[in-house]
Amino acid sequence: MSRNEKEKLPEGTVFRIARQNIEEGEAWHKHTNVREIVFGFNDAAISILALIAGVIGGSLTRGQTTVAALSGIIGGAISMAIGAYISSKSEIEHHRSEIVREKREIVECPDIEREELRQLYLKKAPFTEAELKIILDRLTADDEVFLDAMMKEELGLFEERFESPVKVALIMFIAFIVGGLFPVVPFLLFSEPFTGLMASSITTFGALFCIGIWKTTFTERSWISSGLEMVGVGFLAAVIPYLLGDIFLKRLLAAYIG
């Protein structure tokens, strides 16, 4: 549809589409949890594959490698979930402390807060003083609206973007568990460790490529470059520990264990 055709849309249609776009944007921030899913899955898949590669390179047995990998999944999932919970909770606490501070400043020095808001809007567009007065009069007439404007315009804090810390932690935990199973399950299907590592690598890289493709539904990047980027990072994370295990871990085991 051309620009001229868009301009001819009925007023009711324009209002409906605009409102729908705003609601979808707010829902995206509140419910996608892309960061937790990608971060948890990616970190688990890469770290567990790297762990398997490292211990195989160090000539540990298949059973020892499996125990190490499963321990890594459990420990990593718990650690990542706790970290996600604490970071999310800290963000909310910071947001609430800023609300308290802004409320106090609006009560104690409203003229300064109003002037801050005026200067913020001056940076957005070349408003005239008359236009700014209308905007400021409307925004500062109600304390809650005034507070909301200061939180968003001055501090860039949007309450819609904050999730429940428990939900964030649970998503991170599940994403890590699922991501960690991709390298482990194929490894368990083969008795020869190196064959299991190859199967594990292929499965993990395939999963990482799929996550890279899924991520493009939010980033609008090329699905090929996004998928290959995820695979490239995973490849480096697997090869380097394997080489380190092959070079250094064997010598350490020989020197200290015999």
Protein backbone atom coordinates (compact mmCIF):
# COMPACT_ATOMS: atom_id res chain seq x y z
CA MET A 1 0.00 0.00 0.00
CA SER A 2 1.39 3.41 -1.03
CA ARG A 3 1.77 6.33 1.32
CA ASN A 4 -1.11 8.19 -0.35
CA GLU A 5 -3.37 5.17 0.02
CA LYS A 6 -2.47 4.92 3.70
CA GLU A 7 -3.36 8.56 4.20
CA LYS A 8 -6.85 7.87 2.80
CA LEU A 9 -7.70 5.27 5.43
CA PRO A 10 -10.86 6.07 7.41
CA GLU A 11 -10.23 7.73 10.75
CA GLY A 12 -11.74 4.82 12.64
CA THR A 13 -9.48 2.34 10.85
CA VAL A 14 -6.39 4.45 11.57
CA PHE A 15 -7.32 4.63 15.26
CA ARG A 16 -7.94 0.88 15.46
CA ILE A 17 -4.68 -0.07 13.73
CA ALA A 18 -2.64 2.39 15.79
CA ARG A 19 -4.16 1.13 19.03
CA GLN A 20 -3.54 -2.49 18.02
CA ASN A 21 0.10 -1.74 17.19
CA ILE A 22 0.62 -0.09 20.58
CA GLU A 23 -0.95 -3.04 22.41
CA GLU A 24 1.19 -5.51 20.44
CA GLY A 25 4.30 -3.50 21.27
CA GLU A 26 3.47 -3.51 24.98
CA ALA A 27 2.70 -7.23 24.86
CA TRP A 28 6.02 -7.92 23.12
CA HIS A 29 7.96 -6.25 25.93
CA LYS A 30 5.93 -7.98 28.61
CA HIS A 31 5.49 -11.52 27.40
CA THR A 32 8.14 -12.63 24.89
CA ASN A 33 11.00 -13.34 27.31
CA VAL A 34 13.28 -13.63 24.28
CA ARG A 35 16.35 -12.75 26.34
CA GLU A 36 15.81 -15.51 28.90
CA ILE A 37 14.95 -18.16 26.30
CA VAL A 38 17.86 -17.43 23.96
CA PHE A 39 20.36 -16.80 26.75
CA GLY A 40 19.39 -19.87 28.77
CA PHE A 41 19.20 -22.25 25.81
CA ASN A 42 22.35 -20.93 24.16
CA ASP A 43 24.40 -20.92 27.35
CA ALA A 44 23.35 -24.46 28.26
CA ALA A 45 23.86 -25.97 24.81
CA ILE A 46 27.29 -24.40 24.37
CA SER A 47 28.56 -24.88 27.92
CA ILE A 48 27.46 -28.54 28.16
CA LEU A 49 28.83 -29.36 24.71
CA ALA A 50 32.07 -27.62 25.70
CA LEU A 51 32.12 -29.61 28.95
CA ILE A 52 31.65 -32.90 27.09
CA ALA A 53 34.34 -31.96 24.57
CA GLY A 54 36.74 -30.90 27.30
CA VAL A 55 36.46 -34.04 29.41
CA ILE A 56 36.62 -36.33 26.38
CA GLY A 57 39.73 -34.46 25.29
CA GLY A 58 41.10 -35.20 28.74
CA SER A 59 40.46 -38.93 28.21
CA LEU A 60 37.77 -39.33 30.84
CA THR A 61 35.42 -42.30 30.42
CA ARG A 62 31.95 -42.13 28.92
CA GLY A 63 30.38 -42.60 32.36
CA GLN A 64 32.48 -39.86 33.92
CA THR A 65 31.64 -37.56 31.02
CA THR A 66 27.92 -38.26 31.41
CA VAL A 67 27.98 -37.58 35.15
CA ALA A 68 29.89 -34.35 34.57
CA ALA A 69 27.46 -33.22 31.86
CA LEU A 70 24.32 -33.97 33.89
CA SER A 71 25.83 -32.28 36.93
CA GLY A 72 26.62 -29.29 34.74
CA ILE A 73 23.02 -29.10 33.53
CA ILE A 74 21.54 -29.24 37.02
CA GLY A 75 24.05 -26.87 38.56
CA GLY A 76 23.94 -24.49 35.62
CA ALA A 77 20.14 -24.38 35.51
CA ILE A 78 19.91 -23.61 39.22
CA SER A 79 22.65 -20.99 39.00
CA MET A 80 21.13 -19.30 35.94
CA ALA A 81 17.64 -19.32 37.46
CA ILE A 82 18.89 -17.76 40.69
CA GLY A 83 20.85 -15.16 38.73
CA ALA A 84 17.81 -14.32 36.58
CA TYR A 85 15.61 -14.04 39.69
CA ILE A 86 18.02 -11.75 41.51
CA SER A 87 18.69 -9.50 38.51
CA SER A 88 14.98 -9.21 37.68
CA LYS A 89 14.08 -8.52 41.32
CA SER A 90 16.85 -5.91 41.53
CA GLU A 91 15.46 -4.13 38.45
CA ILE A 92 12.01 -4.00 40.01
CA GLU A 93 13.40 -2.74 43.32
CA HIS A 94 15.34 -0.05 41.48
CA HIS A 95 12.21 0.92 39.57
CA ARG A 96 10.20 1.20 42.79
CA SER A 97 12.91 3.26 44.51
CA GLU A 98 12.93 5.65 41.55
CA ILE A 99 9.14 5.98 41.80
CA VAL A 100 9.44 6.93 45.47
CA ARG A 101 12.17 9.46 44.68
CA GLU A 102 10.24 11.03 41.82
CA LYS A 103 7.07 11.23 43.92
CA ARG A 104 9.00 13.05 46.63
CA GLU A 105 10.56 15.47 44.16
CA ILE A 106 7.19 16.24 42.55
CA VAL A 107 5.81 17.13 45.98
CA GLU A 108 8.86 19.01 47.25
CA CYS A 109 9.99 20.84 44.09
CA PRO A 110 7.30 20.67 41.39
CA ASP A 111 8.66 23.71 39.54
CA ILE A 112 12.03 22.03 38.98
CA GLU A 113 10.38 18.81 37.83
CA ARG A 114 8.16 20.75 35.46
CA GLU A 115 11.20 22.52 34.03
CA GLU A 116 12.98 19.18 33.58
CA LEU A 117 9.99 17.91 31.64
CA ARG A 118 9.92 21.10 29.53
CA GLN A 119 13.58 20.69 28.60
CA LEU A 120 13.07 17.02 27.76
CA TYR A 121 10.28 17.88 25.33
CA LEU A 122 12.36 20.68 23.81
CA LYS A 123 14.89 18.01 22.79
CA LYS A 124 12.19 15.98 21.07
CA ALA A 125 10.96 18.65 18.65
CA PRO A 126 11.07 22.45 18.13
CA PHE A 127 7.92 23.15 20.15
CA THR A 128 6.95 26.75 20.72
CA GLU A 129 6.61 27.97 24.31
CA ALA A 130 2.84 28.10 23.86
CA GLU A 131 2.78 24.47 22.71
CA LEU A 132 5.03 23.41 25.57
CA LYS A 133 2.78 25.16 28.08
CA ILE A 134 -0.23 23.22 26.82
CA ILE A 135 1.66 19.92 27.00
CA LEU A 136 3.06 20.61 30.46
CA ASP A 137 -0.26 21.86 31.83
CA ARG A 138 -1.91 18.63 30.71
CA LEU A 139 0.84 16.33 31.99
CA THR A 140 1.31 18.04 35.37
CA ALA A 141 -2.37 18.54 36.17
CA ASP A 142 -2.55 15.04 37.68
CA ASP A 143 0.24 13.77 39.94
CA GLU A 144 0.02 10.19 38.63
CA VAL A 145 0.27 11.34 35.01
CA PHE A 146 3.10 13.70 36.00
CA LEU A 147 4.94 10.84 37.69
CA ASP A 148 4.44 8.50 34.73
CA ALA A 149 5.78 11.15 32.34
CA MET A 150 8.88 11.76 34.47
CA MET A 151 9.59 8.04 34.83
CA LYS A 152 9.39 7.45 31.07
CA GLU A 153 10.84 10.68 29.72
CA GLU A 154 13.57 11.37 32.27
CA LEU A 155 14.58 7.89 33.42
CA GLY A 156 13.44 5.70 30.53
CA LEU A 157 11.66 3.32 32.91
CA PHE A 158 8.56 1.53 31.61
CA GLU A 159 6.62 -0.56 34.11
CA GLU A 160 5.24 -2.68 31.25
CA ARG A 161 8.70 -4.16 30.68
CA PHE A 162 9.07 -5.66 34.14
CA GLU A 163 8.23 -9.34 34.60
CA SER A 164 7.67 -11.40 37.72
CA PRO A 165 11.13 -12.51 38.99
CA VAL A 166 9.74 -16.00 39.65
CA LYS A 167 8.47 -16.27 36.06
CA VAL A 168 11.78 -15.03 34.64
CA ALA A 169 13.71 -17.52 36.80
CA LEU A 170 11.44 -20.41 35.79
CA ILE A 171 11.79 -19.61 32.07
CA MET A 172 15.57 -19.41 32.42
CA PHE A 173 15.64 -22.71 34.32
CA ILE A 174 13.56 -24.54 31.70
CA ALA A 175 15.48 -22.99 28.78
CA PHE A 176 18.78 -24.10 30.33
CA ILE A 177 17.55 -27.64 30.99
CA VAL A 178 16.22 -28.02 27.42
CA GLY A 179 19.34 -26.50 25.89
CA GLY A 180 21.60 -28.73 27.98
CA LEU A 181 19.81 -31.92 26.96
CA PHE A 182 20.56 -31.44 23.26
CA PRO A 183 24.27 -32.24 23.60
CA VAL A 184 23.79 -34.91 26.29
CA VAL A 185 21.08 -37.15 24.80
CA PRO A 186 22.91 -37.95 21.53
CA PHE A 187 26.09 -38.61 23.50
CA LEU A 188 24.28 -41.28 25.54
CA LEU A 189 23.22 -43.16 22.39
CA PHE A 190 26.76 -44.11 21.37
CA SER A 191 29.19 -46.28 23.36
CA GLU A 192 32.27 -44.81 21.66
CA PRO A 193 32.92 -41.38 23.25
CA PHE A 194 34.28 -39.65 20.16
CA THR A 195 31.34 -40.87 18.02
CA GLY A 196 29.00 -39.64 20.74
CA LEU A 197 30.73 -36.26 20.70
CA MET A 198 30.25 -35.98 16.94
CA ALA A 199 26.55 -36.84 17.23
CA SER A 200 26.22 -34.44 20.14
CA SER A 201 27.91 -31.66 18.17
CA ILE A 202 25.70 -32.15 15.11
CA THR A 203 22.53 -32.14 17.20
CA THR A 204 23.64 -29.12 19.24
CA PHE A 205 24.68 -27.10 16.19
CA GLY A 206 21.37 -27.93 14.53
CA ALA A 207 19.47 -26.75 17.61
CA LEU A 208 21.55 -23.57 17.80
CA PHE A 209 20.87 -22.88 14.13
CA CYS A 210 17.13 -23.26 14.77
CA ILE A 211 17.30 -20.88 17.75
CA GLY A 212 19.13 -18.41 15.55
CA ILE A 213 16.33 -18.64 12.98
CA TRP A 214 13.65 -18.26 15.66
CA LYS A 215 15.42 -15.17 17.00
CA THR A 216 15.00 -13.42 13.64
CA THR A 217 11.23 -13.25 14.20
CA PHE A 218 12.07 -10.49 16.70
CA THR A 219 15.30 -9.04 15.28
CA GLU A 220 14.38 -9.05 11.56
CA ARG A 221 17.93 -10.16 10.68
CA SER A 222 18.78 -12.60 7.90
CA TRP A 223 17.85 -16.07 9.14
CA ILE A 224 20.96 -17.57 7.57
CA SER A 225 23.41 -15.13 9.19
CA SER A 226 21.64 -15.37 12.55
CA GLY A 227 21.67 -19.18 12.48
CA LEU A 228 25.31 -19.37 11.36
CA GLU A 229 26.32 -16.90 14.05
CA MET A 230 24.88 -19.15 16.75
CA VAL A 231 26.58 -22.20 15.21
CA GLY A 232 29.92 -20.39 14.92
CA VAL A 233 29.91 -19.44 18.59
CA GLY A 234 28.98 -22.99 19.54
CA PHE A 235 31.73 -24.44 17.35
CA LEU A 236 34.42 -22.30 19.00
CA ALA A 237 33.05 -23.14 22.44
CA ALA A 238 33.35 -26.87 21.69
CA VAL A 239 36.68 -26.98 19.87
CA ILE A 240 38.69 -24.83 22.28
CA PRO A 241 37.82 -26.86 25.44
CA TYR A 242 38.44 -30.11 23.53
CA LEU A 243 41.92 -28.96 22.52
CA LEU A 244 42.65 -27.67 26.01
CA GLY A 245 41.50 -30.98 27.49
CA ASP A 246 43.55 -32.94 24.99
CA ILE A 247 46.69 -30.86 25.62
CA PHE A 248 46.55 -29.95 29.31
CA LEU A 249 44.07 -32.22 31.11
CA LYS A 250 45.81 -35.41 29.99
CA ARG A 251 49.11 -34.14 31.39
CA LEU A 252 47.51 -33.07 34.66
CA LEU A 253 45.82 -36.44 35.10
CA ALA A 254 49.05 -38.23 34.27
CA ALA A 255 51.09 -36.07 36.63
CA TYR A 256 48.80 -36.03 39.67
CA ILE A 257 46.63 -39.12 39.33
CA GLY A 258 48.81 -41.45 37.33
